[in-house]
Amino acid sequence: MKKSILIAAVLMSGVAMAAPVANTNFSPIATEIQEAKVKIEPDALPEPVKTAIANDASVSSLTISEAWQWATPEGTYQFKVVFDNGTEDKLSKKYDQEGNEIKE
């Protein structure tokens, strides 16, 4: 009887002392989305996006400092264009491949 109580006590204390295991599983979807975003040269932007920028009075006179491209789940592309407006907080806009601005 004493042995069975002692064994139960040892097992319970072992379970109580067990270190928690951290969950290190990361979502593969988030990784794929980050990897699909590619920095491109401003000259590589599609013509409809360049035309939309040229026709937008708020950004047509600004210099493009960065351009990014990524694929959407629908199989199209979207673009983020970062403009140098002379301040620390740069202006950025998103466009679809037809040159339509994506408002968030």
PDB file of N, CA and C in Angstrom:
ATOM      1  N   MET A   1       0.811  -1.182   0.000  1.00  0.00           N
ATOM      2  CA  MET A   1       0.000   0.000   0.000  1.00  0.00           C
ATOM      3  C   MET A   1       0.864   1.259   0.000  1.00  0.00           C
ATOM      4  N   LYS A   2       1.904   1.262   0.852  1.00  0.00           N
ATOM      5  CA  LYS A   2       2.796   2.417   0.900  1.00  0.00           C
ATOM      6  C   LYS A   2       3.513   2.602  -0.432  1.00  0.00           C
ATOM      7  N   LYS A   3       3.882   1.470  -1.068  1.00  0.00           N
ATOM      8  CA  LYS A   3       4.589   1.566  -2.349  1.00  0.00           C
ATOM      9  C   LYS A   3       3.702   2.173  -3.425  1.00  0.00           C
ATOM     10  N   SER A   4       2.440   1.813  -3.466  1.00  0.00           N
ATOM     11  CA  SER A   4       1.549   2.343  -4.488  1.00  0.00           C
ATOM     12  C   SER A   4       1.285   3.827  -4.274  1.00  0.00           C
ATOM     13  N   ILE A   5       1.170   4.263  -3.010  1.00  0.00           N
ATOM     14  CA  ILE A   5       0.995   5.696  -2.726  1.00  0.00           C
ATOM     15  C   ILE A   5       2.264   6.459  -3.096  1.00  0.00           C
ATOM     16  N   LEU A   6       3.419   5.883  -2.790  1.00  0.00           N
ATOM     17  CA  LEU A   6       4.694   6.513  -3.116  1.00  0.00           C
ATOM     18  C   LEU A   6       4.866   6.633  -4.628  1.00  0.00           C
ATOM     19  N   ILE A   7       4.520   5.597  -5.357  1.00  0.00           N
ATOM     20  CA  ILE A   7       4.631   5.621  -6.828  1.00  0.00           C
ATOM     21  C   ILE A   7       3.694   6.670  -7.413  1.00  0.00           C
ATOM     22  N   ALA A   8       2.470   6.744  -6.915  1.00  0.00           N
ATOM     23  CA  ALA A   8       1.506   7.739  -7.395  1.00  0.00           C
ATOM     24  C   ALA A   8       2.004   9.150  -7.113  1.00  0.00           C
ATOM     25  N   ALA A   9       2.580   9.367  -5.922  1.00  0.00           N
ATOM     26  CA  ALA A   9       3.089  10.686  -5.557  1.00  0.00           C
ATOM     27  C   ALA A   9       4.256  11.087  -6.461  1.00  0.00           C
ATOM     28  N   VAL A  10       5.137  10.146  -6.762  1.00  0.00           N
ATOM     29  CA  VAL A  10       6.277  10.429  -7.633  1.00  0.00           C
ATOM     30  C   VAL A  10       5.794  10.765  -9.056  1.00  0.00           C
ATOM     31  N   LEU A  11       4.829  10.020  -9.561  1.00  0.00           N
ATOM     32  CA  LEU A  11       4.295  10.285 -10.893  1.00  0.00           C
ATOM     33  C   LEU A  11       3.610  11.644 -10.970  1.00  0.00           C
ATOM     34  N   MET A  12       2.824  11.978  -9.961  1.00  0.00           N
ATOM     35  CA  MET A  12       2.122  13.265  -9.955  1.00  0.00           C
ATOM     36  C   MET A  12       3.100  14.437  -9.876  1.00  0.00           C
ATOM     37  N   SER A  13       4.155  14.286  -9.067  1.00  0.00           N
ATOM     38  CA  SER A  13       5.129  15.372  -8.982  1.00  0.00           C
ATOM     39  C   SER A  13       5.913  15.503 -10.278  1.00  0.00           C
ATOM     40  N   GLY A  14       6.141  14.393 -10.956  1.00  0.00           N
ATOM     41  CA  GLY A  14       6.831  14.447 -12.251  1.00  0.00           C
ATOM     42  C   GLY A  14       6.008  15.164 -13.299  1.00  0.00           C
ATOM     43  N   VAL A  15       4.693  14.927 -13.290  1.00  0.00           N
ATOM     44  CA  VAL A  15       3.802  15.614 -14.227  1.00  0.00           C
ATOM     45  C   VAL A  15       3.741  17.097 -13.902  1.00  0.00           C
ATOM     46  N   ALA A  16       3.703  17.431 -12.629  1.00  0.00           N
ATOM     47  CA  ALA A  16       3.635  18.830 -12.216  1.00  0.00           C
ATOM     48  C   ALA A  16       4.920  19.582 -12.544  1.00  0.00           C
ATOM     49  N   MET A  17       6.046  18.902 -12.552  1.00  0.00           N
ATOM     50  CA  MET A  17       7.337  19.534 -12.805  1.00  0.00           C
ATOM     51  C   MET A  17       7.706  19.572 -14.290  1.00  0.00           C
ATOM     52  N   ALA A  18       6.924  18.924 -15.127  1.00  0.00           N
ATOM     53  CA  ALA A  18       7.253  18.865 -16.555  1.00  0.00           C
ATOM     54  C   ALA A  18       7.240  20.269 -17.149  1.00  0.00           C
ATOM     55  N   ALA A  19       8.236  20.568 -17.922  1.00  0.00           N
ATOM     56  CA  ALA A  19       8.348  21.883 -18.543  1.00  0.00           C
ATOM     57  C   ALA A  19       7.349  21.994 -19.699  1.00  0.00           C
ATOM     58  N   PRO A  20       6.688  23.139 -19.819  1.00  0.00           N
ATOM     59  CA  PRO A  20       5.766  23.317 -20.942  1.00  0.00           C
ATOM     60  C   PRO A  20       6.533  23.376 -22.258  1.00  0.00           C
ATOM     61  N   VAL A  21       5.928  22.861 -23.298  1.00  0.00           N
ATOM     62  CA  VAL A  21       6.555  22.838 -24.613  1.00  0.00           C
ATOM     63  C   VAL A  21       5.993  23.993 -25.420  1.00  0.00           C
ATOM     64  N   ALA A  22       6.857  24.822 -25.942  1.00  0.00           N
ATOM     65  CA  ALA A  22       6.424  25.963 -26.743  1.00  0.00           C
ATOM     66  C   ALA A  22       5.977  25.486 -28.115  1.00  0.00           C
ATOM     67  N   ASN A  23       4.924  26.069 -28.599  1.00  0.00           N
ATOM     68  CA  ASN A  23       4.409  25.730 -29.921  1.00  0.00           C
ATOM     69  C   ASN A  23       5.204  26.525 -30.955  1.00  0.00           C
ATOM     70  N   THR A  24       6.009  25.848 -31.726  1.00  0.00           N
ATOM     71  CA  THR A  24       6.850  26.520 -32.722  1.00  0.00           C
ATOM     72  C   THR A  24       6.344  26.302 -34.132  1.00  0.00           C
ATOM     73  N   ASN A  25       5.104  25.884 -34.268  1.00  0.00           N
ATOM     74  CA  ASN A  25       4.543  25.696 -35.604  1.00  0.00           C
ATOM     75  C   ASN A  25       4.151  27.045 -36.175  1.00  0.00           C
ATOM     76  N   PHE A  26       4.697  27.388 -37.321  1.00  0.00           N
ATOM     77  CA  PHE A  26       4.374  28.637 -37.992  1.00  0.00           C
ATOM     78  C   PHE A  26       3.520  28.336 -39.204  1.00  0.00           C
ATOM     79  N   SER A  27       2.672  29.254 -39.516  1.00  0.00           N
ATOM     80  CA  SER A  27       1.774  29.062 -40.647  1.00  0.00           C
ATOM     81  C   SER A  27       2.551  29.144 -41.960  1.00  0.00           C
ATOM     82  N   PRO A  28       2.471  28.115 -42.801  1.00  0.00           N
ATOM     83  CA  PRO A  28       3.182  28.177 -44.076  1.00  0.00           C
ATOM     84  C   PRO A  28       2.579  29.216 -45.016  1.00  0.00           C
ATOM     85  N   ILE A  29       1.331  29.581 -44.820  1.00  0.00           N
ATOM     86  CA  ILE A  29       0.684  30.572 -45.688  1.00  0.00           C
ATOM     87  C   ILE A  29       1.345  31.929 -45.506  1.00  0.00           C
ATOM     88  N   ALA A  30       1.584  32.331 -44.264  1.00  0.00           N
ATOM     89  CA  ALA A  30       2.218  33.621 -44.004  1.00  0.00           C
ATOM     90  C   ALA A  30       3.618  33.661 -44.605  1.00  0.00           C
ATOM     91  N   THR A  31       4.341  32.572 -44.547  1.00  0.00           N
ATOM     92  CA  THR A  31       5.682  32.513 -45.113  1.00  0.00           C
ATOM     93  C   THR A  31       5.623  32.651 -46.630  1.00  0.00           C
ATOM     94  N   GLU A  32       4.659  31.999 -47.253  1.00  0.00           N
ATOM     95  CA  GLU A  32       4.543  32.085 -48.704  1.00  0.00           C
ATOM     96  C   GLU A  32       4.218  33.504 -49.147  1.00  0.00           C
ATOM     97  N   ILE A  33       3.377  34.190 -48.387  1.00  0.00           N
ATOM     98  CA  ILE A  33       3.003  35.548 -48.757  1.00  0.00           C
ATOM     99  C   ILE A  33       4.208  36.468 -48.653  1.00  0.00           C
ATOM    100  N   GLN A  34       4.992  36.328 -47.595  1.00  0.00           N
ATOM    101  CA  GLN A  34       6.165  37.169 -47.459  1.00  0.00           C
ATOM    102  C   GLN A  34       7.182  36.882 -48.555  1.00  0.00           C
ATOM    103  N   GLU A  35       7.371  35.612 -48.894  1.00  0.00           N
ATOM    104  CA  GLU A  35       8.357  35.264 -49.899  1.00  0.00           C
ATOM    105  C   GLU A  35       7.918  35.701 -51.290  1.00  0.00           C
ATOM    106  N   ALA A  36       6.613  35.859 -51.522  1.00  0.00           N
ATOM    107  CA  ALA A  36       6.117  36.218 -52.840  1.00  0.00           C
ATOM    108  C   ALA A  36       6.262  37.716 -53.117  1.00  0.00           C
ATOM    109  N   LYS A  37       6.481  38.520 -52.101  1.00  0.00           N
ATOM    110  CA  LYS A  37       6.648  39.963 -52.279  1.00  0.00           C
ATOM    111  C   LYS A  37       8.071  40.237 -52.748  1.00  0.00           C
ATOM    112  N   VAL A  38       8.190  40.828 -53.920  1.00  0.00           N
ATOM    113  CA  VAL A  38       9.495  41.007 -54.547  1.00  0.00           C
ATOM    114  C   VAL A  38       9.726  42.488 -54.838  1.00  0.00           C
ATOM    115  N   LYS A  39      10.891  42.969 -54.468  1.00  0.00           N
ATOM    116  CA  LYS A  39      11.261  44.349 -54.789  1.00  0.00           C
ATOM    117  C   LYS A  39      11.668  44.405 -56.255  1.00  0.00           C
ATOM    118  N   ILE A  40      11.121  45.374 -56.973  1.00  0.00           N
ATOM    119  CA  ILE A  40      11.427  45.521 -58.391  1.00  0.00           C
ATOM    120  C   ILE A  40      11.923  46.933 -58.665  1.00  0.00           C
ATOM    121  N   GLU A  41      12.535  47.096 -59.809  1.00  0.00           N
ATOM    122  CA  GLU A  41      12.969  48.425 -60.238  1.00  0.00           C
ATOM    123  C   GLU A  41      11.740  49.225 -60.665  1.00  0.00           C
ATOM    124  N   PRO A  42      11.708  50.516 -60.407  1.00  0.00           N
ATOM    125  CA  PRO A  42      10.558  51.324 -60.834  1.00  0.00           C
ATOM    126  C   PRO A  42      10.285  51.232 -62.336  1.00  0.00           C
ATOM    127  N   ASP A  43      11.327  51.042 -63.134  1.00  0.00           N
ATOM    128  CA  ASP A  43      11.140  50.912 -64.581  1.00  0.00           C
ATOM    129  C   ASP A  43      10.400  49.630 -64.950  1.00  0.00           C
ATOM    130  N   ALA A  44      10.390  48.638 -64.051  1.00  0.00           N
ATOM    131  CA  ALA A  44       9.741  47.363 -64.322  1.00  0.00           C
ATOM    132  C   ALA A  44       8.238  47.381 -64.043  1.00  0.00           C
ATOM    133  N   LEU A  45       7.728  48.515 -63.529  1.00  0.00           N
ATOM    134  CA  LEU A  45       6.286  48.612 -63.301  1.00  0.00           C
ATOM    135  C   LEU A  45       5.549  48.519 -64.637  1.00  0.00           C
ATOM    136  N   PRO A  46       4.381  47.891 -64.662  1.00  0.00           N
ATOM    137  CA  PRO A  46       3.628  47.797 -65.915  1.00  0.00           C
ATOM    138  C   PRO A  46       3.163  49.180 -66.390  1.00  0.00           C
ATOM    139  N   GLU A  47       2.980  49.310 -67.666  1.00  0.00           N
ATOM    140  CA  GLU A  47       2.586  50.595 -68.255  1.00  0.00           C
ATOM    141  C   GLU A  47       1.308  51.171 -67.649  1.00  0.00           C
ATOM    142  N   PRO A  48       0.263  50.369 -67.380  1.00  0.00           N
ATOM    143  CA  PRO A  48      -0.929  50.969 -66.763  1.00  0.00           C
ATOM    144  C   PRO A  48      -0.648  51.599 -65.400  1.00  0.00           C
ATOM    145  N   VAL A  49       0.260  51.015 -64.631  1.00  0.00           N
ATOM    146  CA  VAL A  49       0.614  51.588 -63.325  1.00  0.00           C
ATOM    147  C   VAL A  49       1.401  52.883 -63.532  1.00  0.00           C
ATOM    148  N   LYS A  50       2.334  52.878 -64.466  1.00  0.00           N
ATOM    149  CA  LYS A  50       3.097  54.104 -64.756  1.00  0.00           C
ATOM    150  C   LYS A  50       2.177  55.219 -65.230  1.00  0.00           C
ATOM    151  N   THR A  51       1.191  54.878 -66.062  1.00  0.00           N
ATOM    152  CA  THR A  51       0.237  55.870 -66.558  1.00  0.00           C
ATOM    153  C   THR A  51      -0.611  56.418 -65.416  1.00  0.00           C
ATOM    154  N   ALA A  52      -1.058  55.545 -64.518  1.00  0.00           N
ATOM    155  CA  ALA A  52      -1.852  55.997 -63.370  1.00  0.00           C
ATOM    156  C   ALA A  52      -1.049  56.948 -62.487  1.00  0.00           C
ATOM    157  N   ILE A  53       0.225  56.654 -62.288  1.00  0.00           N
ATOM    158  CA  ILE A  53       1.079  57.531 -61.492  1.00  0.00           C
ATOM    159  C   ILE A  53       1.264  58.881 -62.188  1.00  0.00           C
ATOM    160  N   ALA A  54       1.486  58.856 -63.501  1.00  0.00           N
ATOM    161  CA  ALA A  54       1.685  60.100 -64.254  1.00  0.00           C
ATOM    162  C   ALA A  54       0.432  60.966 -64.254  1.00  0.00           C
ATOM    163  N   ASN A  55      -0.746  60.344 -64.207  1.00  0.00           N
ATOM    164  CA  ASN A  55      -2.006  61.091 -64.233  1.00  0.00           C
ATOM    165  C   ASN A  55      -2.485  61.512 -62.847  1.00  0.00           C
ATOM    166  N   ASP A  56      -1.820  61.067 -61.789  1.00  0.00           N
ATOM    167  CA  ASP A  56      -2.193  61.411 -60.412  1.00  0.00           C
ATOM    168  C   ASP A  56      -1.397  62.640 -59.989  1.00  0.00           C
ATOM    169  N   ALA A  57      -2.073  63.773 -59.841  1.00  0.00           N
ATOM    170  CA  ALA A  57      -1.391  65.036 -59.520  1.00  0.00           C
ATOM    171  C   ALA A  57      -0.687  64.989 -58.167  1.00  0.00           C
ATOM    172  N   SER A  58      -1.152  64.140 -57.250  1.00  0.00           N
ATOM    173  CA  SER A  58      -0.544  64.113 -55.920  1.00  0.00           C
ATOM    174  C   SER A  58       0.805  63.406 -55.892  1.00  0.00           C
ATOM    175  N   VAL A  59       1.107  62.576 -56.900  1.00  0.00           N
ATOM    176  CA  VAL A  59       2.373  61.847 -56.897  1.00  0.00           C
ATOM    177  C   VAL A  59       3.175  61.977 -58.192  1.00  0.00           C
ATOM    178  N   SER A  60       2.605  62.591 -59.211  1.00  0.00           N
ATOM    179  CA  SER A  60       3.291  62.627 -60.513  1.00  0.00           C
ATOM    180  C   SER A  60       4.623  63.366 -60.465  1.00  0.00           C
ATOM    181  N   SER A  61       4.768  64.330 -59.562  1.00  0.00           N
ATOM    182  CA  SER A  61       6.020  65.087 -59.490  1.00  0.00           C
ATOM    183  C   SER A  61       7.020  64.477 -58.504  1.00  0.00           C
ATOM    184  N   LEU A  62       6.622  63.416 -57.779  1.00  0.00           N
ATOM    185  CA  LEU A  62       7.503  62.801 -56.791  1.00  0.00           C
ATOM    186  C   LEU A  62       8.362  61.713 -57.421  1.00  0.00           C
ATOM    187  N   THR A  63       9.505  61.451 -56.798  1.00  0.00           N
ATOM    188  CA  THR A  63      10.412  60.400 -57.251  1.00  0.00           C
ATOM    189  C   THR A  63      10.003  59.072 -56.614  1.00  0.00           C
ATOM    190  N   ILE A  64      10.023  58.007 -57.406  1.00  0.00           N
ATOM    191  CA  ILE A  64       9.731  56.676 -56.879  1.00  0.00           C
ATOM    192  C   ILE A  64      10.998  56.158 -56.208  1.00  0.00           C
ATOM    193  N   SER A  65      10.919  55.872 -54.900  1.00  0.00           N
ATOM    194  CA  SER A  65      12.096  55.365 -54.200  1.00  0.00           C
ATOM    195  C   SER A  65      12.115  53.837 -54.136  1.00  0.00           C
ATOM    196  N   GLU A  66      10.944  53.200 -54.113  1.00  0.00           N
ATOM    197  CA  GLU A  66      10.870  51.735 -54.074  1.00  0.00           C
ATOM    198  C   GLU A  66       9.617  51.287 -54.807  1.00  0.00           C
ATOM    199  N   ALA A  67       9.693  50.068 -55.332  1.00  0.00           N
ATOM    200  CA  ALA A  67       8.518  49.440 -55.930  1.00  0.00           C
ATOM    201  C   ALA A  67       8.539  47.961 -55.558  1.00  0.00           C
ATOM    202  N   TRP A  68       7.368  47.435 -55.200  1.00  0.00           N
ATOM    203  CA  TRP A  68       7.226  46.038 -54.793  1.00  0.00           C
ATOM    204  C   TRP A  68       6.121  45.388 -55.607  1.00  0.00           C
ATOM    205  N   GLN A  69       6.277  44.104 -55.868  1.00  0.00           N
ATOM    206  CA  GLN A  69       5.293  43.343 -56.628  1.00  0.00           C
ATOM    207  C   GLN A  69       5.002  42.040 -55.896  1.00  0.00           C
ATOM    208  N   TRP A  70       3.737  41.608 -55.909  1.00  0.00           N
ATOM    209  CA  TRP A  70       3.369  40.302 -55.345  1.00  0.00           C
ATOM    210  C   TRP A  70       2.159  39.763 -56.082  1.00  0.00           C
ATOM    211  N   ALA A  71       2.049  38.453 -56.049  1.00  0.00           N
ATOM    212  CA  ALA A  71       0.936  37.775 -56.694  1.00  0.00           C
ATOM    213  C   ALA A  71      -0.218  37.648 -55.712  1.00  0.00           C
ATOM    214  N   THR A  72      -1.432  37.768 -56.226  1.00  0.00           N
ATOM    215  CA  THR A  72      -2.628  37.584 -55.412  1.00  0.00           C
ATOM    216  C   THR A  72      -3.112  36.143 -55.563  1.00  0.00           C
ATOM    217  N   PRO A  73      -3.978  35.687 -54.674  1.00  0.00           N
ATOM    218  CA  PRO A  73      -4.521  34.327 -54.826  1.00  0.00           C
ATOM    219  C   PRO A  73      -5.315  34.140 -56.121  1.00  0.00           C
ATOM    220  N   GLU A  74      -5.817  35.231 -56.695  1.00  0.00           N
ATOM    221  CA  GLU A  74      -6.581  35.146 -57.935  1.00  0.00           C
ATOM    222  C   GLU A  74      -5.685  34.989 -59.168  1.00  0.00           C
ATOM    223  N   GLY A  75      -4.376  35.105 -58.984  1.00  0.00           N
ATOM    224  CA  GLY A  75      -3.442  34.955 -60.090  1.00  0.00           C
ATOM    225  C   GLY A  75      -3.046  36.263 -60.756  1.00  0.00           C
ATOM    226  N   THR A  76      -3.450  37.391 -60.175  1.00  0.00           N
ATOM    227  CA  THR A  76      -3.053  38.696 -60.709  1.00  0.00           C
ATOM    228  C   THR A  76      -1.916  39.248 -59.857  1.00  0.00           C
ATOM    229  N   TYR A  77      -1.437  40.414 -60.235  1.00  0.00           N
ATOM    230  CA  TYR A  77      -0.351  41.047 -59.488  1.00  0.00           C
ATOM    231  C   TYR A  77      -0.817  42.372 -58.900  1.00  0.00           C
ATOM    232  N   GLN A  78      -0.237  42.708 -57.766  1.00  0.00           N
ATOM    233  CA  GLN A  78      -0.435  44.014 -57.160  1.00  0.00           C
ATOM    234  C   GLN A  78       0.925  44.637 -56.925  1.00  0.00           C
ATOM    235  N   PHE A  79       0.929  45.957 -56.840  1.00  0.00           N
ATOM    236  CA  PHE A  79       2.173  46.700 -56.721  1.00  0.00           C
ATOM    237  C   PHE A  79       2.061  47.732 -55.615  1.00  0.00           C
ATOM    238  N   LYS A  80       3.131  47.895 -54.857  1.00  0.00           N
ATOM    239  CA  LYS A  80       3.227  48.966 -53.869  1.00  0.00           C
ATOM    240  C   LYS A  80       4.354  49.871 -54.334  1.00  0.00           C
ATOM    241  N   VAL A  81       4.028  51.147 -54.473  1.00  0.00           N
ATOM    242  CA  VAL A  81       5.008  52.124 -54.930  1.00  0.00           C
ATOM    243  C   VAL A  81       5.232  53.117 -53.795  1.00  0.00           C
ATOM    244  N   VAL A  82       6.496  53.299 -53.425  1.00  0.00           N
ATOM    245  CA  VAL A  82       6.868  54.224 -52.356  1.00  0.00           C
ATOM    246  C   VAL A  82       7.494  55.450 -53.002  1.00  0.00           C
ATOM    247  N   PHE A  83       6.930  56.608 -52.677  1.00  0.00           N
ATOM    248  CA  PHE A  83       7.379  57.872 -53.253  1.00  0.00           C
ATOM    249  C   PHE A  83       8.176  58.658 -52.228  1.00  0.00           C
ATOM    250  N   ASP A  84       9.236  59.320 -52.681  1.00  0.00           N
ATOM    251  CA  ASP A  84      10.044  60.176 -51.826  1.00  0.00           C
ATOM    252  C   ASP A  84       9.433  61.568 -51.867  1.00  0.00           C
ATOM    253  N   ASN A  85       8.747  61.933 -50.773  1.00  0.00           N
ATOM    254  CA  ASN A  85       8.083  63.236 -50.723  1.00  0.00           C
ATOM    255  C   ASN A  85       8.874  64.260 -49.910  1.00  0.00           C
ATOM    256  N   GLY A  86      10.123  63.946 -49.616  1.00  0.00           N
ATOM    257  CA  GLY A  86      10.979  64.880 -48.900  1.00  0.00           C
ATOM    258  C   GLY A  86      10.830  64.826 -47.392  1.00  0.00           C
ATOM    259  N   THR A  87      10.027  63.929 -46.878  1.00  0.00           N
ATOM    260  CA  THR A  87       9.876  63.789 -45.436  1.00  0.00           C
ATOM    261  C   THR A  87      10.357  62.408 -45.015  1.00  0.00           C
ATOM    262  N   GLU A  88      10.450  62.225 -43.712  1.00  0.00           N
ATOM    263  CA  GLU A  88      10.883  60.925 -43.194  1.00  0.00           C
ATOM    264  C   GLU A  88       9.821  59.853 -43.435  1.00  0.00           C
ATOM    265  N   ASP A  89       8.551  60.244 -43.330  1.00  0.00           N
ATOM    266  CA  ASP A  89       7.439  59.326 -43.608  1.00  0.00           C
ATOM    267  C   ASP A  89       7.121  59.394 -45.093  1.00  0.00           C
ATOM    268  N   LYS A  90       7.580  58.403 -45.810  1.00  0.00           N
ATOM    269  CA  LYS A  90       7.392  58.413 -47.257  1.00  0.00           C
ATOM    270  C   LYS A  90       5.964  58.033 -47.614  1.00  0.00           C
ATOM    271  N   LEU A  91       5.507  58.535 -48.713  1.00  0.00           N
ATOM    272  CA  LEU A  91       4.163  58.277 -49.204  1.00  0.00           C
ATOM    273  C   LEU A  91       4.174  56.989 -50.015  1.00  0.00           C
ATOM    274  N   SER A  92       3.191  56.119 -49.785  1.00  0.00           N
ATOM    275  CA  SER A  92       3.117  54.892 -50.574  1.00  0.00           C
ATOM    276  C   SER A  92       1.686  54.677 -51.040  1.00  0.00           C
ATOM    277  N   LYS A  93       1.566  54.060 -52.209  1.00  0.00           N
ATOM    278  CA  LYS A  93       0.265  53.734 -52.785  1.00  0.00           C
ATOM    279  C   LYS A  93       0.343  52.338 -53.371  1.00  0.00           C
ATOM    280  N   LYS A  94      -0.817  51.660 -53.389  1.00  0.00           N
ATOM    281  CA  LYS A  94      -0.900  50.326 -53.968  1.00  0.00           C
ATOM    282  C   LYS A  94      -1.749  50.388 -55.233  1.00  0.00           C
ATOM    283  N   TYR A  95      -1.349  49.569 -56.213  1.00  0.00           N
ATOM    284  CA  TYR A  95      -2.049  49.521 -57.494  1.00  0.00           C
ATOM    285  C   TYR A  95      -2.247  48.074 -57.907  1.00  0.00           C
ATOM    286  N   ASP A  96      -3.308  47.825 -58.681  1.00  0.00           N
ATOM    287  CA  ASP A  96      -3.439  46.513 -59.306  1.00  0.00           C
ATOM    288  C   ASP A  96      -2.741  46.564 -60.659  1.00  0.00           C
ATOM    289  N   GLN A  97      -2.713  45.460 -61.375  1.00  0.00           N
ATOM    290  CA  GLN A  97      -1.944  45.408 -62.621  1.00  0.00           C
ATOM    291  C   GLN A  97      -2.578  46.231 -63.739  1.00  0.00           C
ATOM    292  N   GLU A  98      -3.848  46.664 -63.569  1.00  0.00           N
ATOM    293  CA  GLU A  98      -4.480  47.536 -64.563  1.00  0.00           C
ATOM    294  C   GLU A  98      -4.258  49.009 -64.261  1.00  0.00           C
ATOM    295  N   GLY A  99      -3.545  49.307 -63.170  1.00  0.00           N
ATOM    296  CA  GLY A  99      -3.242  50.692 -62.814  1.00  0.00           C
ATOM    297  C   GLY A  99      -4.265  51.321 -61.904  1.00  0.00           C
ATOM    298  N   ASN A 100      -5.225  50.554 -61.403  1.00  0.00           N
ATOM    299  CA  ASN A 100      -6.221  51.101 -60.465  1.00  0.00           C
ATOM    300  C   ASN A 100      -5.620  51.155 -59.072  1.00  0.00           C
ATOM    301  N   GLU A 101      -5.784  52.307 -58.416  1.00  0.00           N
ATOM    302  CA  GLU A 101      -5.264  52.443 -57.062  1.00  0.00           C
ATOM    303  C   GLU A 101      -6.106  51.616 -56.108  1.00  0.00           C
ATOM    304  N   ILE A 102      -5.446  50.907 -55.194  1.00  0.00           N
ATOM    305  CA  ILE A 102      -6.116  50.095 -54.187  1.00  0.00           C
ATOM    306  C   ILE A 102      -6.146  50.900 -52.904  1.00  0.00           C
ATOM    307  N   LYS A 103      -7.334  51.275 -52.486  1.00  0.00           N
ATOM    308  CA  LYS A 103      -7.482  52.065 -51.253  1.00  0.00           C
ATOM    309  C   LYS A 103      -7.749  51.105 -50.106  1.00  0.00           C
ATOM    310  N   GLU A 104      -7.067  51.322 -48.992  1.00  0.00           N
ATOM    311  CA  GLU A 104      -7.260  50.448 -47.822  1.00  0.00           C
ATOM    312  C   GLU A 104      -8.012  51.160 -46.744  1.00  0.00           C
TER     313      GLU A 104
END
